N, C-alpha and C. Protein backbone atom coordinates (compact mmCIF):
# COMPACT_ATOMS: atom_id res chain seq x y z
N UNK A 1 0.88 -0.97 -0.10
CA UNK A 1 -0.12 0.09 0.03
C UNK A 1 0.66 1.50 0.11
N UNK A 2 0.21 2.39 -0.77
CA UNK A 2 1.57 3.75 -1.26
C UNK A 2 0.83 4.55 0.17
N UNK A 3 1.99 4.89 0.63
CA UNK A 3 1.67 6.33 1.49
C UNK A 3 1.68 7.62 0.96
N UNK A 4 1.04 8.77 1.39
CA UNK A 4 1.65 9.64 1.06
C UNK A 4 2.80 10.23 1.29
N UNK A 5 3.20 11.22 0.47
CA UNK A 5 4.25 11.62 0.86
C UNK A 5 4.52 12.83 2.18
N UNK A 6 3.56 13.39 2.18
CA UNK A 6 3.50 14.89 3.26
C UNK A 6 3.04 13.84 4.10
N UNK A 7 2.50 12.66 4.63
CA UNK A 7 2.05 12.24 5.75
C UNK A 7 3.97 11.17 6.41
N UNK A 8 4.43 10.92 5.36
CA UNK A 8 5.78 9.92 5.36
C UNK A 8 6.37 11.51 5.99
N UNK A 9 6.52 12.21 5.14
CA UNK A 9 7.56 13.75 5.73
C UNK A 9 7.31 13.71 7.09
N UNK A 10 6.04 14.28 7.96
CA UNK A 10 5.12 14.35 9.09
C UNK A 10 5.76 13.46 9.41
N UNK A 11 5.57 11.90 9.46
CA UNK A 11 5.91 10.51 10.61
C UNK A 11 7.87 11.21 10.75
N UNK A 12 8.41 11.12 9.02
CA UNK A 12 10.28 11.56 9.57
C UNK A 12 10.23 12.45 10.64
N UNK A 13 9.66 13.78 10.42
CA UNK A 13 10.35 15.08 11.28
C UNK A 13 9.84 14.44 12.84
N UNK A 14 8.25 13.27 12.77
CA UNK A 14 8.36 13.82 14.56
C UNK A 14 9.44 12.29 14.87
N UNK A 15 9.86 11.20 14.02
CA UNK A 15 10.80 10.28 14.60
C UNK A 15 12.13 11.20 14.83
N UNK A 16 12.74 11.76 13.84
CA UNK A 16 13.88 12.88 13.82
C UNK A 16 13.90 13.35 15.42
N UNK A 17 12.72 14.47 15.69
CA UNK A 17 11.98 14.80 17.26
C UNK A 17 12.51 13.91 18.39
N UNK A 18 12.08 12.85 18.03
CA UNK A 18 12.08 11.92 19.30
C UNK A 18 13.31 11.77 19.43
N UNK A 19 14.19 11.02 18.16
CA UNK A 19 15.34 10.57 18.25
C UNK A 19 16.66 11.24 18.98
N UNK A 20 16.33 12.67 18.18
CA UNK A 20 17.00 14.05 18.33
C UNK A 20 17.21 14.43 20.08
N UNK A 21 16.06 14.08 20.75
CA UNK A 21 15.62 13.80 22.42
C UNK A 21 16.89 13.73 22.56
N UNK A 22 16.00 11.75 22.53
CA UNK A 22 17.11 11.03 22.95
C UNK A 22 18.45 11.16 23.17
N UNK A 23 19.04 10.85 21.34
CA UNK A 23 20.17 11.34 21.30
C UNK A 23 21.21 12.02 22.15
N UNK A 24 20.78 13.98 22.17
CA UNK A 24 21.34 14.47 23.13
C UNK A 24 21.38 14.94 24.57
N UNK A 25 20.04 13.91 24.70
CA UNK A 25 19.86 13.37 26.44
C UNK A 25 20.90 12.35 26.99
N UNK A 26 20.93 11.43 26.14
CA UNK A 26 21.62 10.03 26.29
C UNK A 26 22.56 9.40 25.67
N UNK A 27 22.01 9.10 24.32
CA UNK A 27 22.81 7.98 23.37
C UNK A 27 24.40 8.76 23.19
N UNK A 28 24.25 10.74 23.24
CA UNK A 28 25.97 10.69 22.48
C UNK A 28 26.85 10.68 23.51
N UNK A 29 26.61 10.98 24.78
CA UNK A 29 28.25 10.37 25.67
C UNK A 29 27.79 9.01 25.88
N UNK A 30 26.78 8.47 25.59
CA UNK A 30 27.40 6.93 25.31
C UNK A 30 28.43 6.46 23.93
N UNK A 31 27.79 7.24 23.18
CA UNK A 31 28.08 7.22 21.78
C UNK A 31 30.24 7.28 21.85
N UNK A 32 29.94 8.53 22.48
CA UNK A 32 31.57 9.57 22.13
C UNK A 32 31.87 8.40 23.22
N UNK A 33 31.49 7.45 24.64
CA UNK A 33 32.69 7.16 25.33
C UNK A 33 33.01 5.50 24.29
N UNK A 34 32.49 5.07 23.74
CA UNK A 34 32.54 3.92 22.33
C UNK A 34 32.99 4.37 21.56
N UNK A 35 33.27 5.46 20.87
CA UNK A 35 33.88 6.18 19.87
C UNK A 35 35.16 6.26 20.38
N UNK A 36 35.49 6.97 21.49
CA UNK A 36 36.86 7.22 21.82
C UNK A 36 37.51 5.84 22.74
N UNK A 37 37.29 5.14 22.90
CA UNK A 37 37.24 3.73 23.24
C UNK A 37 38.11 2.63 22.15
N UNK A 38 37.30 3.09 21.07
CA UNK A 38 37.56 2.39 19.59
C UNK A 38 38.33 3.31 18.89
N UNK A 39 38.69 3.99 19.21
CA UNK A 39 40.00 5.08 18.56
C UNK A 39 41.35 4.76 18.93
N UNK A 40 41.38 4.86 20.39
CA UNK A 40 42.52 4.75 21.68
C UNK A 40 42.69 3.14 21.59
N UNK A 41 41.66 2.46 21.11
CA UNK A 41 42.11 1.08 20.67
C UNK A 41 42.86 0.50 19.24
N UNK A 42 42.53 1.44 18.33
CA UNK A 42 43.34 1.55 17.29
C UNK A 42 45.23 2.45 17.37
N UNK A 43 44.87 3.26 18.11
CA UNK A 43 46.49 3.84 18.77
C UNK A 43 46.10 4.93 18.02
N UNK A 44 45.10 5.37 17.22
CA UNK A 44 44.47 6.96 17.43
C UNK A 44 45.27 7.92 18.62
N UNK A 45 45.14 9.52 18.04
CA UNK A 45 44.40 10.49 19.18
C UNK A 45 43.70 10.48 19.76
N UNK A 46 42.79 10.69 20.50
CA UNK A 46 41.63 10.83 21.09
C UNK A 46 41.59 12.14 21.08
N UNK A 47 41.00 13.47 19.63
CA UNK A 47 41.44 14.61 20.04
C UNK A 47 40.04 14.29 18.63
N UNK A 48 38.76 14.93 19.12
CA UNK A 48 37.68 15.56 18.12
C UNK A 48 37.57 16.68 17.94
N UNK A 49 37.38 17.11 16.78
CA UNK A 49 37.23 18.31 15.92
C UNK A 49 35.52 18.23 16.34
N UNK A 50 35.37 19.98 16.97
CA UNK A 50 34.24 20.37 16.98
C UNK A 50 32.78 20.01 15.85
N UNK A 51 33.07 20.32 14.74
CA UNK A 51 32.47 19.78 13.31
C UNK A 51 32.18 17.80 13.56
N UNK A 52 33.01 17.64 13.78
CA UNK A 52 32.92 15.76 14.15
C UNK A 52 31.66 15.68 14.90
N UNK A 53 31.74 16.06 15.86
CA UNK A 53 30.73 15.94 17.04
C UNK A 53 29.38 16.46 16.53
N UNK A 54 29.50 17.34 15.95
CA UNK A 54 28.22 17.41 15.40
C UNK A 54 28.10 16.69 13.78
N UNK A 55 28.12 15.73 13.50
CA UNK A 55 27.90 15.42 12.33
C UNK A 55 27.65 13.97 13.32
N UNK A 56 28.18 13.37 14.10
CA UNK A 56 27.69 12.30 14.50
C UNK A 56 26.23 12.02 14.70
N UNK A 57 25.59 13.08 15.18
CA UNK A 57 24.56 12.94 14.93
C UNK A 57 23.23 12.47 13.68
N UNK A 58 24.32 12.60 12.74
CA UNK A 58 23.21 11.70 11.14
C UNK A 58 23.42 10.36 11.53
N UNK A 59 22.89 9.86 12.70
CA UNK A 59 22.56 8.98 12.91
C UNK A 59 21.36 9.08 12.98
N UNK A 60 21.03 10.34 13.39
CA UNK A 60 19.08 10.57 14.10
C UNK A 60 18.65 10.49 12.34
N UNK A 61 18.51 11.40 11.28
CA UNK A 61 17.96 10.98 10.59
C UNK A 61 18.27 9.54 9.41
N UNK A 62 19.13 8.81 9.71
CA UNK A 62 19.32 7.79 9.34
C UNK A 62 17.84 6.69 9.64
N UNK A 63 18.39 6.63 11.14
CA UNK A 63 17.83 6.08 12.13
C UNK A 63 15.81 6.11 11.86
N UNK A 64 15.38 7.06 11.85
CA UNK A 64 14.23 7.66 11.60
C UNK A 64 13.93 7.37 10.50
N UNK A 65 14.40 7.02 9.21
CA UNK A 65 14.14 6.85 7.85
C UNK A 65 13.56 4.72 7.88
N UNK A 66 14.60 4.76 8.24
CA UNK A 66 14.81 2.89 8.80
C UNK A 66 13.42 2.62 9.76
N UNK A 67 12.95 3.44 10.87
CA UNK A 67 11.80 3.21 11.61
C UNK A 67 10.46 3.57 10.32
N UNK A 68 10.48 4.82 10.01
CA UNK A 68 9.35 4.90 9.66
C UNK A 68 8.99 4.53 8.14
N UNK A 69 10.02 3.68 7.27
CA UNK A 69 9.59 3.36 5.95
C UNK A 69 8.92 1.97 5.86
N UNK A 70 8.38 1.71 5.25
CA UNK A 70 6.86 0.63 5.05
C UNK A 70 7.88 -0.86 4.05
N UNK A 71 7.73 -1.92 4.24
CA UNK A 71 8.26 -2.72 3.81
C UNK A 71 9.15 -3.49 3.99
N UNK A 72 9.27 -3.70 5.01
CA UNK A 72 10.58 -4.56 5.46
C UNK A 72 9.78 -5.10 6.67
N UNK A 73 10.34 -6.35 7.14
CA UNK A 73 10.11 -7.54 8.39
C UNK A 73 10.99 -6.28 9.48
N UNK A 74 10.59 -7.01 10.48
CA UNK A 74 11.20 -6.50 11.73
C UNK A 74 12.94 -7.16 11.64
N UNK A 75 13.06 -8.56 10.91
CA UNK A 75 14.25 -8.71 11.28
C UNK A 75 15.41 -8.14 9.95
N UNK A 76 14.46 -7.93 8.98
CA UNK A 76 15.31 -6.86 8.19
C UNK A 76 16.03 -6.17 8.08
N UNK A 77 14.83 -5.22 8.56
CA UNK A 77 15.02 -3.84 9.42
C UNK A 77 16.13 -3.61 10.38
N UNK A 78 16.33 -4.32 11.00
CA UNK A 78 17.16 -4.62 12.24
C UNK A 78 18.74 -4.99 11.67
N UNK A 79 18.75 -5.84 10.63
CA UNK A 79 19.75 -5.99 9.49
C UNK A 79 20.18 -4.82 9.23
N UNK A 80 19.40 -3.96 8.86
CA UNK A 80 19.71 -2.91 7.31
C UNK A 80 20.44 -1.60 8.58
N UNK A 81 19.15 -1.53 10.07
CA UNK A 81 19.66 -0.55 10.71
C UNK A 81 21.24 -0.93 11.23
N UNK A 82 21.52 -1.94 11.28
CA UNK A 82 22.86 -2.40 11.79
C UNK A 82 23.59 -2.21 11.27
N UNK A 83 23.82 -2.70 9.77
CA UNK A 83 24.76 -2.48 8.68
C UNK A 83 25.04 -0.78 8.69
N UNK A 84 23.38 -0.09 8.66
CA UNK A 84 23.72 1.46 8.69
C UNK A 84 25.00 1.78 9.78
N UNK A 85 24.23 1.62 11.23
CA UNK A 85 25.03 2.11 12.33
C UNK A 85 26.52 1.77 11.95
N UNK A 86 27.08 0.68 11.57
CA UNK A 86 28.05 -0.02 11.28
C UNK A 86 28.59 0.95 10.26
N UNK A 87 28.77 1.75 9.17
CA UNK A 87 28.58 2.11 8.18
C UNK A 87 28.81 3.64 8.37
N UNK A 88 28.02 4.09 9.30
CA UNK A 88 27.97 5.13 9.97
C UNK A 88 29.53 5.54 10.72
N UNK A 89 29.75 4.76 11.84
CA UNK A 89 30.67 4.30 12.60
C UNK A 89 31.48 4.40 12.10
N UNK A 90 31.96 3.76 11.12
CA UNK A 90 33.37 3.97 10.31
C UNK A 90 33.06 4.95 9.76
N UNK A 91 32.10 5.85 8.99
CA UNK A 91 32.42 7.28 8.18
C UNK A 91 33.00 8.24 9.78
N UNK A 92 32.37 7.83 10.86
CA UNK A 92 32.38 9.28 11.62
C UNK A 92 34.17 8.92 12.32
N UNK A 93 34.84 7.55 12.80
CA UNK A 93 35.98 7.27 12.33
C UNK A 93 37.28 7.78 11.58
N UNK A 94 36.72 7.73 10.51
CA UNK A 94 37.26 8.35 9.18
C UNK A 94 37.46 9.05 9.12
N UNK A 95 36.43 10.58 9.32
CA UNK A 95 35.94 12.00 8.96
C UNK A 95 36.70 12.24 9.97
N UNK A 96 36.99 12.07 11.14
CA UNK A 96 37.12 12.94 12.23
C UNK A 96 38.69 13.16 12.10
N UNK A 97 39.11 11.56 11.90
CA UNK A 97 40.93 11.54 11.39
C UNK A 97 41.38 12.61 10.64
N UNK A 98 40.00 12.64 9.42
CA UNK A 98 40.74 13.73 8.61
C UNK A 98 40.70 15.06 9.22
N UNK A 99 39.72 15.19 9.54
CA UNK A 99 38.83 16.71 9.83
C UNK A 99 40.55 16.75 11.23
N UNK A 100 40.89 16.19 12.11
CA UNK A 100 41.99 16.32 12.65
C UNK A 100 43.08 16.76 11.96
N UNK A 101 43.41 16.12 11.17
CA UNK A 101 44.90 15.76 10.09
C UNK A 101 44.84 17.05 8.96
N UNK A 102 43.99 17.56 9.07
CA UNK A 102 43.86 19.20 7.82
C UNK A 102 43.63 19.99 8.65
N UNK A 103 43.29 20.46 10.11
CA UNK A 103 43.07 21.56 10.62
C UNK A 103 44.07 22.54 10.57
N UNK A 104 45.62 22.18 10.25
CA UNK A 104 46.49 23.59 10.19
C UNK A 104 46.93 23.56 8.98
N UNK A 105 46.03 23.12 7.43
CA UNK A 105 45.99 23.40 6.60
C UNK A 105 45.63 23.81 6.21
N UNK A 106 45.31 25.47 5.96
CA UNK A 106 44.30 25.98 5.55
C UNK A 106 43.81 25.32 4.06
N UNK A 107 44.44 25.49 3.12
CA UNK A 107 44.62 25.24 1.51
C UNK A 107 43.61 23.76 1.84
N UNK A 108 43.77 22.75 2.16
CA UNK A 108 43.59 21.82 2.05
C UNK A 108 41.74 22.19 3.34
N UNK A 109 41.97 22.56 3.73
CA UNK A 109 40.83 22.52 4.86
C UNK A 109 39.79 23.30 4.16
N UNK A 110 39.90 24.30 3.67
CA UNK A 110 38.75 25.20 2.94
C UNK A 110 38.31 24.27 1.86
N UNK A 111 39.44 23.52 1.28
CA UNK A 111 38.57 22.96 -0.14
C UNK A 111 38.16 21.30 0.38
N UNK A 112 38.67 20.53 1.47
CA UNK A 112 38.19 19.23 1.78
C UNK A 112 36.97 19.15 3.01
N UNK A 113 36.88 20.25 3.53
CA UNK A 113 35.50 20.17 4.76
C UNK A 113 34.33 20.30 3.90
N UNK A 114 34.40 21.19 3.11
CA UNK A 114 33.00 21.26 2.76
C UNK A 114 32.56 20.48 1.93
N UNK A 115 33.06 19.34 1.19
CA UNK A 115 33.11 18.30 0.68
C UNK A 115 32.60 16.97 1.62
N UNK A 116 33.42 17.03 2.77
CA UNK A 116 33.17 15.78 3.52
C UNK A 116 31.73 16.30 4.59
N UNK A 117 31.79 17.13 4.94
CA UNK A 117 30.59 17.89 5.39
C UNK A 117 29.44 17.31 4.99
N UNK A 118 29.23 18.02 3.46
CA UNK A 118 28.29 17.75 2.63
C UNK A 118 28.09 16.30 2.84
N UNK A 119 28.97 15.42 2.09
CA UNK A 119 28.82 13.69 2.32
C UNK A 119 28.51 13.46 3.69
N UNK A 120 29.20 13.99 4.64
CA UNK A 120 28.24 13.16 5.86
C UNK A 120 26.98 14.03 6.05
N UNK A 121 26.57 14.76 5.84
CA UNK A 121 25.09 14.73 6.13
C UNK A 121 24.39 13.99 5.03
N UNK A 122 24.48 13.73 3.84
CA UNK A 122 23.75 13.05 3.44
C UNK A 122 24.12 11.54 3.31
N UNK A 123 25.26 11.02 3.61
CA UNK A 123 25.50 9.92 3.45
C UNK A 123 24.41 8.78 4.87
N UNK A 124 24.05 9.80 5.32
CA UNK A 124 22.15 8.73 6.44
C UNK A 124 21.21 8.95 5.17
N UNK A 125 20.87 9.14 4.04
CA UNK A 125 20.16 9.24 3.17
C UNK A 125 20.27 8.53 1.43
N UNK A 126 21.37 8.59 1.70
CA UNK A 126 22.30 7.75 0.56
C UNK A 126 22.23 6.31 1.34
N UNK A 127 22.84 5.87 2.36
CA UNK A 127 22.10 4.56 2.62
C UNK A 127 20.77 4.41 2.59
N UNK A 128 19.81 5.14 3.68
CA UNK A 128 17.81 4.75 3.36
C UNK A 128 17.75 4.20 1.56
N UNK A 129 18.23 4.93 0.79
CA UNK A 129 17.95 4.57 -0.65
C UNK A 129 18.77 3.58 -0.98
N UNK A 130 20.00 3.31 -0.81
CA UNK A 130 20.68 1.29 -0.52
C UNK A 130 19.68 0.81 -0.41
N UNK A 131 19.25 0.86 1.05
CA UNK A 131 18.85 -0.17 2.09
C UNK A 131 17.30 -0.40 1.00
N UNK A 132 16.49 0.85 0.69
CA UNK A 132 15.25 0.39 0.08
C UNK A 132 15.41 0.64 -1.37
N UNK A 133 16.23 0.21 -2.28
CA UNK A 133 16.35 0.37 -3.66
C UNK A 133 15.20 -0.17 -4.30
N UNK A 134 14.75 -1.08 -4.06
CA UNK A 134 13.86 -2.19 -4.77
C UNK A 134 12.50 -2.08 -3.57
N UNK A 135 12.32 -1.55 -3.12
CA UNK A 135 10.86 -0.68 -2.96
C UNK A 135 10.26 0.61 -2.91
N UNK A 136 11.74 1.48 -2.93
CA UNK A 136 11.00 3.22 -3.61
C UNK A 136 10.15 3.20 -4.63
N UNK A 137 9.94 2.39 -5.83
CA UNK A 137 9.37 2.83 -6.61
C UNK A 137 7.81 2.37 -5.75
N UNK A 138 7.05 1.87 -5.16
CA UNK A 138 5.91 1.72 -4.43
C UNK A 138 5.54 2.32 -4.06
N UNK A 139 6.57 3.32 -3.14
CA UNK A 139 6.59 3.53 -1.88
C UNK A 139 5.26 4.64 -1.68
N UNK A 140 5.61 5.68 -2.32
CA UNK A 140 4.75 7.20 -2.41
C UNK A 140 3.51 7.09 -3.28
N UNK A 141 2.55 7.94 -3.39
CA UNK A 141 1.65 8.43 -3.68
C UNK A 141 1.78 9.78 -4.30
N UNK A 142 2.14 10.39 -5.30
CA UNK A 142 1.75 11.84 -4.73
C UNK A 142 0.16 12.22 -4.53
N UNK A 143 0.34 14.03 -3.95
CA UNK A 143 -1.19 14.19 -3.74
C UNK A 143 -1.44 14.08 -2.47
């Protein structure tokens, strides 16, 4: 059954607001602790640029989309959610290292940071499109 696009957008905003509250209330501090331990385990310095911390919240739109989109059973949904979280986590480690490495190189900083920033905020939506690529055609009805 197709869903109206406006209803989908409203559900996305609602789910994102709820996850936003949980993220900043409890989850972000836990995530930073896990992130810190993982980065130190890899032997990297734990110095997170301010921009990276802001980008860590890109879990919110990804989780919101995975929760509200119809067409997957619970097992498939959890599996794809897990893969997406893993991909986002790996991206967070890589992008933090990149941001930290280029912070004192103005020419690279001005060129690469906007590219990585745009990619980071778009990545949750790309993952959602990839995970639902077979189901997107019949997902919405306009009007």
